[in-house]
Amino acid sequence: MPVWSRVAVGLLLAGVLIGVAIFKASSAKLGPLAGEYGVTYYNGEGPGAAQVTCKPESEILAAIVQVHAKFDYLEGDALRAFEQRAAELRGLPPLSIDKLYVITADDKLRDGEMVLFIGIRANCVRTVFGLPTKFYEELAGKPAGS
């Protein structure tokens, strides 16, 4: 078999394999979505994303009091300075929040190894995440164990 025909067969085979892979990937997206109560939706039709429930700041404060938590509170210039320090030290993105509660200790949940961040914007909780205590102390510019 001449070299040019081997190359042509190889290219044809590669094209077929790529076509099968594309078809398989796109057909998975177009597959049926089984909804609630057995209703099936096809080709991206169906219900939209569920609305996220807003937890107001007052509920967060009530929960903090309930577990006797110690926390740091940042807003305004202090929050911007914290975000800037986090970006400079670790390259973290801005949080895009108005207020930040950092739960540093409580009587039921925290073991001293982690802190809990609760970000508030427009009186609603927008972000919740945890970080190691040492990492938070570094970002906040606090001495270790304070």
N, C-alpha and C. Protein backbone atom coordinates (compact mmCIF):
# COMPACT_ATOMS: atom_id res chain seq x y z
N MET A 1 0.85 -1.17 0.00
CA MET A 1 0.00 0.00 0.00
C MET A 1 0.90 1.24 0.00
N PRO A 2 0.66 2.20 -0.90
CA PRO A 2 1.49 3.41 -0.96
C PRO A 2 1.35 4.25 0.29
N VAL A 3 2.36 5.07 0.55
CA VAL A 3 2.40 5.92 1.75
C VAL A 3 1.23 6.90 1.76
N TRP A 4 0.92 7.51 0.63
CA TRP A 4 -0.16 8.50 0.59
C TRP A 4 -1.50 7.88 0.97
N SER A 5 -1.73 6.63 0.61
CA SER A 5 -3.01 5.99 0.96
C SER A 5 -3.06 5.67 2.46
N ARG A 6 -1.93 5.31 3.04
CA ARG A 6 -1.87 5.06 4.49
C ARG A 6 -2.17 6.34 5.26
N VAL A 7 -1.60 7.45 4.79
CA VAL A 7 -1.86 8.75 5.42
C VAL A 7 -3.33 9.11 5.29
N ALA A 8 -3.90 8.88 4.11
CA ALA A 8 -5.32 9.20 3.88
C ALA A 8 -6.22 8.37 4.78
N VAL A 9 -5.92 7.07 4.89
CA VAL A 9 -6.72 6.20 5.76
C VAL A 9 -6.57 6.64 7.22
N GLY A 10 -5.37 7.00 7.64
CA GLY A 10 -5.16 7.49 9.01
C GLY A 10 -5.94 8.75 9.30
N LEU A 11 -5.93 9.70 8.36
CA LEU A 11 -6.69 10.95 8.53
C LEU A 11 -8.18 10.67 8.56
N LEU A 12 -8.66 9.77 7.71
CA LEU A 12 -10.07 9.41 7.69
C LEU A 12 -10.47 8.78 9.02
N LEU A 13 -9.65 7.86 9.52
CA LEU A 13 -9.92 7.21 10.80
C LEU A 13 -9.93 8.23 11.95
N ALA A 14 -8.96 9.16 11.94
CA ALA A 14 -8.91 10.20 12.98
C ALA A 14 -10.16 11.07 12.91
N GLY A 15 -10.60 11.44 11.70
CA GLY A 15 -11.81 12.25 11.53
C GLY A 15 -13.04 11.54 12.05
N VAL A 16 -13.15 10.24 11.78
CA VAL A 16 -14.29 9.47 12.27
C VAL A 16 -14.29 9.41 13.79
N LEU A 17 -13.13 9.15 14.39
CA LEU A 17 -13.05 9.08 15.85
C LEU A 17 -13.38 10.41 16.50
N ILE A 18 -12.89 11.51 15.93
CA ILE A 18 -13.22 12.84 16.47
C ILE A 18 -14.70 13.11 16.32
N GLY A 19 -15.28 12.73 15.19
CA GLY A 19 -16.73 12.91 14.98
C GLY A 19 -17.55 12.14 15.99
N VAL A 20 -17.15 10.90 16.28
CA VAL A 20 -17.87 10.09 17.27
C VAL A 20 -17.75 10.73 18.65
N ALA A 21 -16.57 11.25 19.00
CA ALA A 21 -16.38 11.89 20.30
C ALA A 21 -17.25 13.14 20.43
N ILE A 22 -17.31 13.94 19.37
CA ILE A 22 -18.14 15.16 19.39
C ILE A 22 -19.60 14.79 19.51
N PHE A 23 -20.04 13.77 18.76
CA PHE A 23 -21.44 13.34 18.83
C PHE A 23 -21.80 12.86 20.22
N LYS A 24 -20.91 12.08 20.81
CA LYS A 24 -21.16 11.55 22.15
C LYS A 24 -21.25 12.67 23.18
N ALA A 25 -20.35 13.64 23.09
CA ALA A 25 -20.36 14.75 24.04
C ALA A 25 -21.61 15.61 23.88
N SER A 26 -22.00 15.89 22.65
CA SER A 26 -23.16 16.76 22.44
C SER A 26 -24.46 16.03 22.73
N SER A 27 -24.53 14.72 22.50
CA SER A 27 -25.77 14.00 22.77
C SER A 27 -26.03 13.88 24.26
N ALA A 28 -24.97 13.89 25.08
CA ALA A 28 -25.18 13.86 26.53
C ALA A 28 -25.84 15.14 27.00
N LYS A 29 -25.50 16.27 26.38
CA LYS A 29 -26.12 17.55 26.74
C LYS A 29 -27.57 17.59 26.29
N LEU A 30 -27.88 16.92 25.19
CA LEU A 30 -29.23 16.97 24.63
C LEU A 30 -30.12 15.87 25.17
N GLY A 31 -29.60 15.06 26.05
CA GLY A 31 -30.38 13.96 26.60
C GLY A 31 -31.52 14.46 27.46
N PRO A 32 -32.46 13.58 27.77
CA PRO A 32 -33.61 14.00 28.58
C PRO A 32 -33.23 14.31 30.01
N LEU A 33 -33.94 15.24 30.59
CA LEU A 33 -33.78 15.60 31.99
C LEU A 33 -35.04 15.15 32.71
N ALA A 34 -34.93 14.18 33.59
CA ALA A 34 -36.10 13.69 34.31
C ALA A 34 -36.38 14.65 35.45
N GLY A 35 -37.53 15.26 35.42
CA GLY A 35 -37.91 16.24 36.42
C GLY A 35 -38.73 15.62 37.53
N GLU A 36 -39.25 16.49 38.37
CA GLU A 36 -40.06 16.08 39.51
C GLU A 36 -41.35 15.42 39.02
N TYR A 37 -41.82 14.40 39.70
CA TYR A 37 -43.07 13.69 39.39
C TYR A 37 -43.05 13.03 38.02
N GLY A 38 -41.87 12.62 37.52
CA GLY A 38 -41.79 11.89 36.27
C GLY A 38 -41.89 12.72 35.02
N VAL A 39 -41.93 14.04 35.11
CA VAL A 39 -41.98 14.90 33.94
C VAL A 39 -40.59 14.91 33.31
N THR A 40 -40.51 14.70 32.01
CA THR A 40 -39.23 14.66 31.32
C THR A 40 -39.12 15.85 30.37
N TYR A 41 -37.97 16.53 30.41
CA TYR A 41 -37.71 17.68 29.56
C TYR A 41 -36.60 17.34 28.59
N TYR A 42 -36.71 17.81 27.35
CA TYR A 42 -35.71 17.52 26.33
C TYR A 42 -35.05 18.80 25.83
N ASN A 43 -33.79 18.69 25.41
CA ASN A 43 -33.04 19.75 24.73
C ASN A 43 -33.00 21.07 25.48
N GLY A 44 -32.73 21.02 26.76
CA GLY A 44 -32.54 22.24 27.54
C GLY A 44 -33.82 22.92 27.97
N GLU A 45 -34.98 22.39 27.62
CA GLU A 45 -36.23 22.98 28.09
C GLU A 45 -36.44 22.54 29.53
N GLY A 46 -37.30 23.24 30.23
CA GLY A 46 -37.59 22.81 31.59
C GLY A 46 -37.49 23.96 32.56
N PRO A 47 -37.56 23.64 33.83
CA PRO A 47 -37.56 24.69 34.86
C PRO A 47 -36.21 25.37 34.95
N GLY A 48 -36.23 26.63 35.34
CA GLY A 48 -35.00 27.39 35.55
C GLY A 48 -34.37 27.03 36.88
N ALA A 49 -33.28 27.67 37.16
CA ALA A 49 -32.58 27.43 38.42
C ALA A 49 -33.41 27.93 39.59
N ALA A 50 -33.34 27.22 40.68
CA ALA A 50 -34.09 27.60 41.88
C ALA A 50 -33.49 28.87 42.48
N GLN A 51 -34.35 29.72 43.00
CA GLN A 51 -33.91 30.95 43.64
C GLN A 51 -33.23 30.61 44.97
N VAL A 52 -32.13 31.30 45.24
CA VAL A 52 -31.41 31.10 46.49
C VAL A 52 -32.12 31.89 47.59
N THR A 53 -32.38 31.22 48.69
CA THR A 53 -33.06 31.86 49.81
C THR A 53 -32.10 32.81 50.51
N CYS A 54 -32.57 34.01 50.77
CA CYS A 54 -31.76 35.02 51.44
C CYS A 54 -31.85 34.80 52.95
N LYS A 55 -30.70 34.60 53.57
CA LYS A 55 -30.63 34.55 55.03
C LYS A 55 -30.21 35.94 55.49
N PRO A 56 -31.09 36.67 56.17
CA PRO A 56 -30.74 38.02 56.58
C PRO A 56 -29.68 38.04 57.68
N GLU A 57 -29.04 39.17 57.83
CA GLU A 57 -27.99 39.35 58.82
C GLU A 57 -28.51 39.10 60.23
N SER A 58 -29.75 39.44 60.50
CA SER A 58 -30.31 39.25 61.84
C SER A 58 -30.32 37.77 62.24
N GLU A 59 -30.59 36.87 61.28
CA GLU A 59 -30.56 35.44 61.59
C GLU A 59 -29.14 34.97 61.89
N ILE A 60 -28.18 35.51 61.18
CA ILE A 60 -26.79 35.15 61.42
C ILE A 60 -26.36 35.60 62.82
N LEU A 61 -26.72 36.84 63.18
CA LEU A 61 -26.39 37.34 64.51
C LEU A 61 -27.05 36.52 65.61
N ALA A 62 -28.30 36.10 65.38
CA ALA A 62 -29.00 35.27 66.36
C ALA A 62 -28.29 33.92 66.53
N ALA A 63 -27.83 33.35 65.42
CA ALA A 63 -27.11 32.07 65.49
C ALA A 63 -25.78 32.24 66.21
N ILE A 64 -25.10 33.35 65.98
CA ILE A 64 -23.83 33.62 66.66
C ILE A 64 -24.03 33.70 68.17
N VAL A 65 -25.08 34.40 68.58
CA VAL A 65 -25.38 34.53 70.01
C VAL A 65 -25.76 33.18 70.59
N GLN A 66 -26.50 32.38 69.85
CA GLN A 66 -26.97 31.09 70.33
C GLN A 66 -25.82 30.14 70.66
N VAL A 67 -24.76 30.18 69.89
CA VAL A 67 -23.63 29.26 70.14
C VAL A 67 -22.49 29.95 70.90
N HIS A 68 -22.77 31.13 71.44
CA HIS A 68 -21.79 31.87 72.25
C HIS A 68 -20.47 32.05 71.50
N ALA A 69 -20.57 32.47 70.25
CA ALA A 69 -19.38 32.56 69.39
C ALA A 69 -18.61 33.85 69.63
N LYS A 70 -17.30 33.74 69.49
CA LYS A 70 -16.44 34.90 69.44
C LYS A 70 -16.19 35.16 67.96
N PHE A 71 -16.22 36.41 67.56
CA PHE A 71 -16.08 36.69 66.13
C PHE A 71 -15.39 38.02 65.91
N ASP A 72 -14.81 38.13 64.73
CA ASP A 72 -14.27 39.40 64.25
C ASP A 72 -15.26 39.94 63.23
N TYR A 73 -15.42 41.25 63.24
CA TYR A 73 -16.37 41.89 62.33
C TYR A 73 -15.62 42.93 61.50
N LEU A 74 -15.76 42.84 60.20
CA LEU A 74 -15.09 43.77 59.30
C LEU A 74 -16.10 44.38 58.34
N GLU A 75 -15.97 45.68 58.12
CA GLU A 75 -16.76 46.35 57.09
C GLU A 75 -16.03 47.63 56.68
N GLY A 76 -16.42 48.21 55.58
CA GLY A 76 -15.84 49.46 55.13
C GLY A 76 -14.35 49.35 54.86
N ASP A 77 -13.59 50.32 55.39
CA ASP A 77 -12.15 50.38 55.14
C ASP A 77 -11.40 49.17 55.71
N ALA A 78 -11.83 48.67 56.85
CA ALA A 78 -11.18 47.50 57.44
C ALA A 78 -11.34 46.27 56.54
N LEU A 79 -12.53 46.11 55.95
CA LEU A 79 -12.78 44.99 55.05
C LEU A 79 -11.95 45.13 53.77
N ARG A 80 -11.89 46.34 53.23
CA ARG A 80 -11.10 46.57 52.00
C ARG A 80 -9.61 46.31 52.27
N ALA A 81 -9.13 46.72 53.44
CA ALA A 81 -7.73 46.46 53.80
C ALA A 81 -7.48 44.96 53.93
N PHE A 82 -8.42 44.23 54.53
CA PHE A 82 -8.29 42.77 54.66
C PHE A 82 -8.24 42.12 53.28
N GLU A 83 -9.16 42.54 52.38
CA GLU A 83 -9.18 41.97 51.03
C GLU A 83 -7.88 42.29 50.28
N GLN A 84 -7.38 43.50 50.46
CA GLN A 84 -6.15 43.89 49.78
C GLN A 84 -4.96 43.07 50.30
N ARG A 85 -4.91 42.87 51.61
CA ARG A 85 -3.84 42.07 52.19
C ARG A 85 -3.92 40.62 51.72
N ALA A 86 -5.13 40.08 51.63
CA ALA A 86 -5.31 38.70 51.15
C ALA A 86 -4.89 38.57 49.68
N ALA A 87 -5.15 39.60 48.89
CA ALA A 87 -4.74 39.58 47.49
C ALA A 87 -3.22 39.67 47.35
N GLU A 88 -2.61 40.52 48.16
CA GLU A 88 -1.16 40.69 48.09
C GLU A 88 -0.41 39.45 48.59
N LEU A 89 -0.86 38.89 49.72
CA LEU A 89 -0.15 37.76 50.32
C LEU A 89 -0.41 36.43 49.61
N ARG A 90 -1.65 36.19 49.23
CA ARG A 90 -2.02 34.88 48.70
C ARG A 90 -2.69 34.92 47.33
N GLY A 91 -2.91 36.11 46.78
CA GLY A 91 -3.54 36.21 45.47
C GLY A 91 -5.02 35.87 45.47
N LEU A 92 -5.68 36.04 46.60
CA LEU A 92 -7.11 35.73 46.70
C LEU A 92 -7.95 36.82 46.03
N PRO A 93 -9.05 36.45 45.38
CA PRO A 93 -9.90 37.44 44.73
C PRO A 93 -10.71 38.22 45.77
N PRO A 94 -11.22 39.40 45.40
CA PRO A 94 -12.08 40.15 46.33
C PRO A 94 -13.37 39.38 46.61
N LEU A 95 -13.92 39.59 47.77
CA LEU A 95 -15.11 38.86 48.19
C LEU A 95 -16.41 39.48 47.67
N SER A 96 -16.38 40.76 47.28
CA SER A 96 -17.58 41.47 46.79
C SER A 96 -18.70 41.43 47.81
N ILE A 97 -18.38 41.81 49.05
CA ILE A 97 -19.36 41.84 50.13
C ILE A 97 -19.24 43.17 50.86
N ASP A 98 -20.25 43.48 51.68
CA ASP A 98 -20.26 44.72 52.46
C ASP A 98 -19.77 44.51 53.90
N LYS A 99 -20.06 43.34 54.45
CA LYS A 99 -19.70 43.04 55.84
C LYS A 99 -19.17 41.62 55.91
N LEU A 100 -18.25 41.40 56.85
CA LEU A 100 -17.68 40.06 57.02
C LEU A 100 -17.64 39.72 58.50
N TYR A 101 -18.25 38.58 58.84
CA TYR A 101 -18.16 38.02 60.17
C TYR A 101 -17.22 36.84 60.09
N VAL A 102 -16.22 36.81 60.97
CA VAL A 102 -15.28 35.69 61.03
C VAL A 102 -15.45 35.05 62.40
N ILE A 103 -16.07 33.87 62.42
CA ILE A 103 -16.31 33.15 63.68
C ILE A 103 -15.00 32.47 64.06
N THR A 104 -14.40 32.93 65.13
CA THR A 104 -13.10 32.42 65.54
C THR A 104 -13.21 31.33 66.61
N ALA A 105 -14.29 31.32 67.38
CA ALA A 105 -14.48 30.30 68.43
C ALA A 105 -15.94 30.27 68.82
N ASP A 106 -16.44 29.09 69.17
CA ASP A 106 -17.77 28.98 69.76
C ASP A 106 -17.79 27.75 70.66
N ASP A 107 -18.88 27.60 71.40
CA ASP A 107 -18.89 26.54 72.41
C ASP A 107 -19.29 25.17 71.87
N LYS A 108 -19.67 25.08 70.59
CA LYS A 108 -20.13 23.79 70.09
C LYS A 108 -19.41 23.31 68.84
N LEU A 109 -19.05 24.22 67.94
CA LEU A 109 -18.60 23.78 66.62
C LEU A 109 -17.12 23.91 66.36
N ARG A 110 -16.49 24.95 66.80
CA ARG A 110 -15.10 25.23 66.44
C ARG A 110 -14.15 24.48 67.35
N ASP A 111 -13.08 23.96 66.77
CA ASP A 111 -12.06 23.27 67.55
C ASP A 111 -10.77 24.07 67.62
N GLY A 112 -10.77 25.29 67.15
CA GLY A 112 -9.59 26.13 67.18
C GLY A 112 -8.71 25.99 65.96
N GLU A 113 -9.00 25.01 65.12
CA GLU A 113 -8.20 24.79 63.92
C GLU A 113 -8.75 25.53 62.71
N MET A 114 -10.03 25.85 62.73
CA MET A 114 -10.68 26.49 61.58
C MET A 114 -11.44 27.73 62.04
N VAL A 115 -11.60 28.68 61.11
CA VAL A 115 -12.48 29.82 61.32
C VAL A 115 -13.54 29.78 60.23
N LEU A 116 -14.68 30.37 60.50
CA LEU A 116 -15.79 30.38 59.56
C LEU A 116 -16.03 31.81 59.10
N PHE A 117 -16.01 32.02 57.79
CA PHE A 117 -16.27 33.33 57.20
C PHE A 117 -17.72 33.38 56.74
N ILE A 118 -18.41 34.47 57.09
CA ILE A 118 -19.78 34.70 56.63
C ILE A 118 -19.81 36.10 56.02
N GLY A 119 -19.98 36.17 54.72
CA GLY A 119 -20.00 37.44 54.00
C GLY A 119 -21.41 37.91 53.75
N ILE A 120 -21.69 39.18 54.04
CA ILE A 120 -23.02 39.77 53.89
C ILE A 120 -22.96 40.87 52.83
N ARG A 121 -23.93 40.87 51.91
CA ARG A 121 -24.08 41.98 50.97
C ARG A 121 -25.57 42.24 50.82
N ALA A 122 -25.95 43.51 50.92
CA ALA A 122 -27.35 43.92 50.82
C ALA A 122 -28.23 43.17 51.83
N ASN A 123 -27.73 43.03 53.07
CA ASN A 123 -28.43 42.39 54.18
C ASN A 123 -28.75 40.91 53.93
N CYS A 124 -28.03 40.26 53.02
CA CYS A 124 -28.21 38.83 52.77
C CYS A 124 -26.86 38.14 52.80
N VAL A 125 -26.84 36.91 53.27
CA VAL A 125 -25.62 36.12 53.26
C VAL A 125 -25.27 35.81 51.81
N ARG A 126 -24.06 36.16 51.41
CA ARG A 126 -23.61 35.92 50.03
C ARG A 126 -22.54 34.85 49.93
N THR A 127 -21.77 34.65 50.98
CA THR A 127 -20.72 33.63 50.94
C THR A 127 -20.45 33.10 52.34
N VAL A 128 -20.18 31.80 52.42
CA VAL A 128 -19.81 31.16 53.67
C VAL A 128 -18.71 30.15 53.33
N PHE A 129 -17.60 30.25 54.02
CA PHE A 129 -16.51 29.30 53.81
C PHE A 129 -15.62 29.27 55.04
N GLY A 130 -14.80 28.26 55.13
CA GLY A 130 -13.89 28.10 56.26
C GLY A 130 -12.44 28.13 55.80
N LEU A 131 -11.58 28.56 56.69
CA LEU A 131 -10.14 28.57 56.45
C LEU A 131 -9.43 28.14 57.74
N PRO A 132 -8.23 27.62 57.62
CA PRO A 132 -7.47 27.32 58.83
C PRO A 132 -7.19 28.59 59.63
N THR A 133 -7.17 28.47 60.93
CA THR A 133 -6.96 29.61 61.81
C THR A 133 -5.63 30.31 61.53
N LYS A 134 -4.58 29.54 61.31
CA LYS A 134 -3.27 30.14 61.03
C LYS A 134 -3.30 30.98 59.76
N PHE A 135 -4.01 30.51 58.75
CA PHE A 135 -4.13 31.23 57.49
C PHE A 135 -4.86 32.55 57.70
N TYR A 136 -5.96 32.51 58.48
CA TYR A 136 -6.71 33.73 58.78
C TYR A 136 -5.85 34.72 59.56
N GLU A 137 -5.12 34.25 60.55
CA GLU A 137 -4.27 35.15 61.35
C GLU A 137 -3.21 35.80 60.48
N GLU A 138 -2.69 35.07 59.50
CA GLU A 138 -1.72 35.64 58.57
C GLU A 138 -2.37 36.72 57.72
N LEU A 139 -3.57 36.47 57.23
CA LEU A 139 -4.25 37.45 56.39
C LEU A 139 -4.67 38.68 57.18
N ALA A 140 -5.05 38.47 58.44
CA ALA A 140 -5.50 39.59 59.27
C ALA A 140 -4.34 40.34 59.89
N GLY A 141 -3.13 39.80 59.78
CA GLY A 141 -1.96 40.46 60.37
C GLY A 141 -1.90 40.33 61.87
N LYS A 142 -2.49 39.26 62.40
CA LYS A 142 -2.49 39.02 63.85
C LYS A 142 -1.35 38.10 64.23
N PRO A 143 -0.83 38.24 65.43
CA PRO A 143 0.17 37.26 65.88
C PRO A 143 -0.51 35.89 66.07
N ALA A 144 0.22 34.83 65.86
CA ALA A 144 -0.32 33.48 65.97
C ALA A 144 -0.86 33.23 67.36
N GLY A 145 -2.08 32.60 67.40
CA GLY A 145 -2.69 32.25 68.68
C GLY A 145 -3.40 33.38 69.38
N SER A 146 -3.62 34.51 68.71
CA SER A 146 -4.28 35.63 69.40
C SER A 146 -5.78 35.48 69.42
